[in-house]
Amino acid sequence: MVKEELAKGIRQDSILLGLNFGNSRNEFYGRCFDLNKQKMVSQGPDNSSVQYIWTDSLVHEEPTEIRLLFYPGFDDYDKISSMDMEFSYLAWAPWNAELQSDSLILKVKELLLMWYKGNDFVIAKDGELEFPVKVDANRRVLILPKDAQTIKVLVHDILHPNFMHSVTKENAKHK
């Protein structure tokens, strides 16, 4: 799948809210500052992420508040090479069965298919763990359960040297 996508010779650098692979650290903070001024994002509860809370009605029958925490992975040149995201329901509680991560993972998958057009998710295996993954050109998206409340999403630029382990030398020329 990776070889087929990279053979297309195109790039998919869009990640989230106007942030892209290759943006500098300063561009990231500048974009988040602008989004904060628009009251779209705020500092996350853990002080190490950006928080985006919105009411989803695209994949939920009833409008549902979702929290997205995100923060990029920067390379040695302070450029974005990946994005870590965590999705959870704002109204989550241990006794609220319909707001657990095993239900949320299905909705996150639907949302990501709307955000990242292209290929569908396939199931990948790593030992005993099975998880959805999709690859569109150089952009790989993995969905992993974190705990009963949270779904973790990893978005990688697989042509970046940090992720080249899954790319052959001949495909790297499309970088």
Protein backbone atom coordinates (compact mmCIF):
# COMPACT_ATOMS: atom_id res chain seq x y z
CA MET A 1 0.00 0.00 0.00
CA VAL A 2 2.83 2.40 0.90
CA LYS A 3 4.69 1.68 -2.33
CA GLU A 4 1.55 2.21 -4.42
CA GLU A 5 0.77 5.52 -2.73
CA LEU A 6 4.30 6.87 -3.00
CA ALA A 7 4.52 5.81 -6.66
CA LYS A 8 1.81 8.39 -7.39
CA GLY A 9 4.43 11.09 -6.81
CA ILE A 10 2.05 13.47 -5.02
CA ARG A 11 2.14 14.92 -1.51
CA GLN A 12 -0.62 15.22 1.05
CA ASP A 13 0.73 17.69 3.61
CA SER A 14 -2.50 18.99 5.15
CA ILE A 15 -2.95 17.87 8.74
CA LEU A 16 -5.43 19.95 10.73
CA LEU A 17 -6.81 23.49 11.01
CA GLY A 18 -4.45 24.91 8.40
CA LEU A 19 -1.38 23.13 9.78
CA ASN A 20 0.82 21.17 7.38
CA PHE A 21 3.82 18.88 7.32
CA GLY A 22 6.90 21.05 6.92
CA ASN A 23 5.50 24.03 8.84
CA SER A 24 8.12 25.51 11.15
CA ARG A 25 7.74 25.66 14.91
CA ASN A 26 7.14 29.43 14.55
CA GLU A 27 4.45 28.85 11.91
CA PHE A 28 2.77 26.31 14.20
CA TYR A 29 2.69 28.71 17.16
CA GLY A 30 1.63 31.59 14.91
CA ARG A 31 -1.26 29.57 13.49
CA CYS A 32 -2.34 28.46 16.98
CA PHE A 33 -2.13 32.08 18.18
CA ASP A 34 -4.44 33.12 15.32
CA LEU A 35 -6.85 30.25 16.08
CA ASN A 36 -6.82 31.23 19.76
CA LYS A 37 -7.66 34.85 18.88
CA GLN A 38 -10.65 33.45 16.94
CA LYS A 39 -11.59 31.45 20.08
CA MET A 40 -11.26 28.18 18.16
CA VAL A 41 -8.47 26.64 20.25
CA SER A 42 -6.98 27.05 23.70
CA GLN A 43 -4.17 25.61 25.73
CA GLY A 44 -4.81 21.97 26.58
CA PRO A 45 -5.44 20.80 30.14
CA ASP A 46 -2.00 19.21 30.34
CA ASN A 47 -0.20 22.45 29.31
CA SER A 48 1.64 20.56 26.57
CA SER A 49 -1.01 20.43 23.87
CA VAL A 50 -3.50 22.56 21.99
CA GLN A 51 -7.18 21.96 22.74
CA TYR A 52 -9.91 22.17 20.12
CA ILE A 53 -13.47 21.60 21.33
CA TRP A 54 -16.30 21.44 18.86
CA THR A 55 -19.82 20.08 18.54
CA ASP A 56 -19.91 17.34 15.95
CA SER A 57 -23.06 16.65 13.99
CA LEU A 58 -21.41 15.12 10.93
CA VAL A 59 -21.08 11.58 12.25
CA HIS A 60 -23.22 11.78 15.41
CA GLU A 61 -27.01 11.70 15.20
CA GLU A 62 -27.25 14.11 18.13
CA PRO A 63 -24.83 17.07 18.28
CA THR A 64 -21.98 15.84 20.47
CA GLU A 65 -19.14 17.80 22.06
CA ILE A 66 -15.70 16.40 21.32
CA ARG A 67 -12.31 17.40 22.69
CA LEU A 68 -9.30 17.14 20.43
CA LEU A 69 -5.86 17.63 21.96
CA PHE A 70 -3.01 17.90 19.49
CA TYR A 71 0.68 18.68 19.30
CA PRO A 72 3.14 18.15 16.46
CA GLY A 73 6.36 16.21 16.34
CA PHE A 74 9.17 18.49 15.17
CA ASP A 75 12.32 17.30 13.44
CA ASP A 76 15.88 18.54 13.98
CA TYR A 77 15.11 21.56 11.78
CA ASP A 78 12.00 22.51 13.80
CA LYS A 79 9.67 21.39 10.98
CA ILE A 80 6.47 19.42 11.56
CA SER A 81 6.93 15.76 10.59
CA SER A 82 4.00 14.27 12.52
CA MET A 83 0.97 15.18 14.60
CA ASP A 84 -0.25 13.41 17.74
CA MET A 85 -3.95 13.81 18.42
CA GLU A 86 -6.22 12.60 21.20
CA PHE A 87 -10.00 12.53 20.85
CA SER A 88 -12.45 12.19 23.74
CA TYR A 89 -16.05 13.08 24.48
CA LEU A 90 -16.38 16.17 26.65
CA ALA A 91 -19.18 14.52 28.65
CA TRP A 92 -17.23 11.28 29.19
CA ALA A 93 -17.74 9.48 32.50
CA PRO A 94 -16.89 5.88 33.48
CA TRP A 95 -20.58 5.00 33.80
CA ASN A 96 -21.57 6.54 30.45
CA ALA A 97 -21.32 3.49 28.14
CA GLU A 98 -22.09 5.30 24.88
CA LEU A 99 -19.21 7.75 25.44
CA GLN A 100 -16.47 5.16 25.94
CA SER A 101 -13.52 4.93 23.59
CA ASP A 102 -14.76 1.70 21.98
CA SER A 103 -17.72 3.71 20.61
CA LEU A 104 -15.66 6.82 19.91
CA ILE A 105 -13.14 4.96 17.75
CA LEU A 106 -15.86 4.29 15.16
CA LYS A 107 -16.84 7.97 15.05
CA VAL A 108 -13.20 9.13 14.89
CA LYS A 109 -12.65 6.82 11.94
CA GLU A 110 -15.65 8.35 10.15
CA LEU A 111 -14.45 11.89 10.91
CA LEU A 112 -10.95 11.17 9.65
CA LEU A 113 -12.34 9.76 6.41
CA MET A 114 -14.14 13.08 5.92
CA TRP A 115 -11.08 15.15 6.87
CA TYR A 116 -8.60 13.06 4.89
CA LYS A 117 -10.24 12.12 1.62
CA GLY A 118 -8.75 9.26 -0.34
CA ASN A 119 -8.22 5.68 0.70
CA ASP A 120 -10.24 3.81 3.27
CA PHE A 121 -8.77 2.44 6.47
CA VAL A 122 -7.37 -1.08 6.55
CA ILE A 123 -6.54 -3.12 9.63
CA ALA A 124 -2.86 -3.38 10.53
CA LYS A 125 -1.39 -5.76 13.09
CA ASP A 126 1.49 -5.30 15.48
CA GLY A 127 1.76 -8.41 17.59
CA GLU A 128 -1.60 -8.86 19.31
CA LEU A 129 -2.67 -5.26 18.60
CA GLU A 130 -4.92 -4.56 15.60
CA PHE A 131 -5.66 -1.00 14.55
CA PRO A 132 -7.02 1.00 11.59
CA VAL A 133 -4.48 2.69 9.31
CA LYS A 134 -4.80 4.60 6.06
CA VAL A 135 -2.17 5.93 3.67
CA ASP A 136 -2.80 8.70 1.15
CA ALA A 137 0.39 9.57 -0.76
CA ASN A 138 2.92 10.45 1.97
CA ARG A 139 0.37 10.89 4.80
CA ARG A 140 -0.20 7.90 7.12
CA VAL A 141 -2.97 7.98 9.72
CA LEU A 142 -3.12 5.43 12.56
CA ILE A 143 -5.96 5.11 15.10
CA LEU A 144 -5.19 3.55 18.48
CA PRO A 145 -7.24 3.20 21.65
CA LYS A 146 -5.44 4.88 24.55
CA ASP A 147 -7.80 4.10 27.43
CA ALA A 148 -11.53 3.91 28.20
CA GLN A 149 -11.92 7.61 27.44
CA THR A 150 -9.44 8.49 24.72
CA ILE A 151 -8.60 7.57 21.14
CA LYS A 152 -5.09 8.41 19.95
CA VAL A 153 -4.47 9.32 16.30
CA LEU A 154 -0.99 9.54 14.81
CA VAL A 155 -0.45 11.34 11.52
CA HIS A 156 2.97 10.86 9.91
CA ASP A 157 4.75 12.12 6.82
CA ILE A 158 6.20 8.76 5.77
CA LEU A 159 8.66 10.46 3.42
CA HIS A 160 10.25 12.26 6.36
CA PRO A 161 13.54 10.65 7.54
CA ASN A 162 11.92 9.96 10.95
CA PHE A 163 9.55 7.51 9.25
CA MET A 164 11.62 6.27 6.29
CA HIS A 165 11.84 2.75 7.75
CA SER A 166 8.67 1.89 5.83
CA VAL A 167 9.82 3.40 2.53
CA THR A 168 12.19 1.99 -0.06
CA LYS A 169 15.06 4.08 -1.45
CA GLU A 170 13.44 4.29 -4.88
CA ASN A 171 10.26 5.79 -3.41
CA ALA A 172 12.21 8.31 -1.30
CA LYS A 173 13.02 10.31 -4.45
CA HIS A 174 9.40 11.56 -4.45
CA LYS A 175 10.16 13.53 -1.31
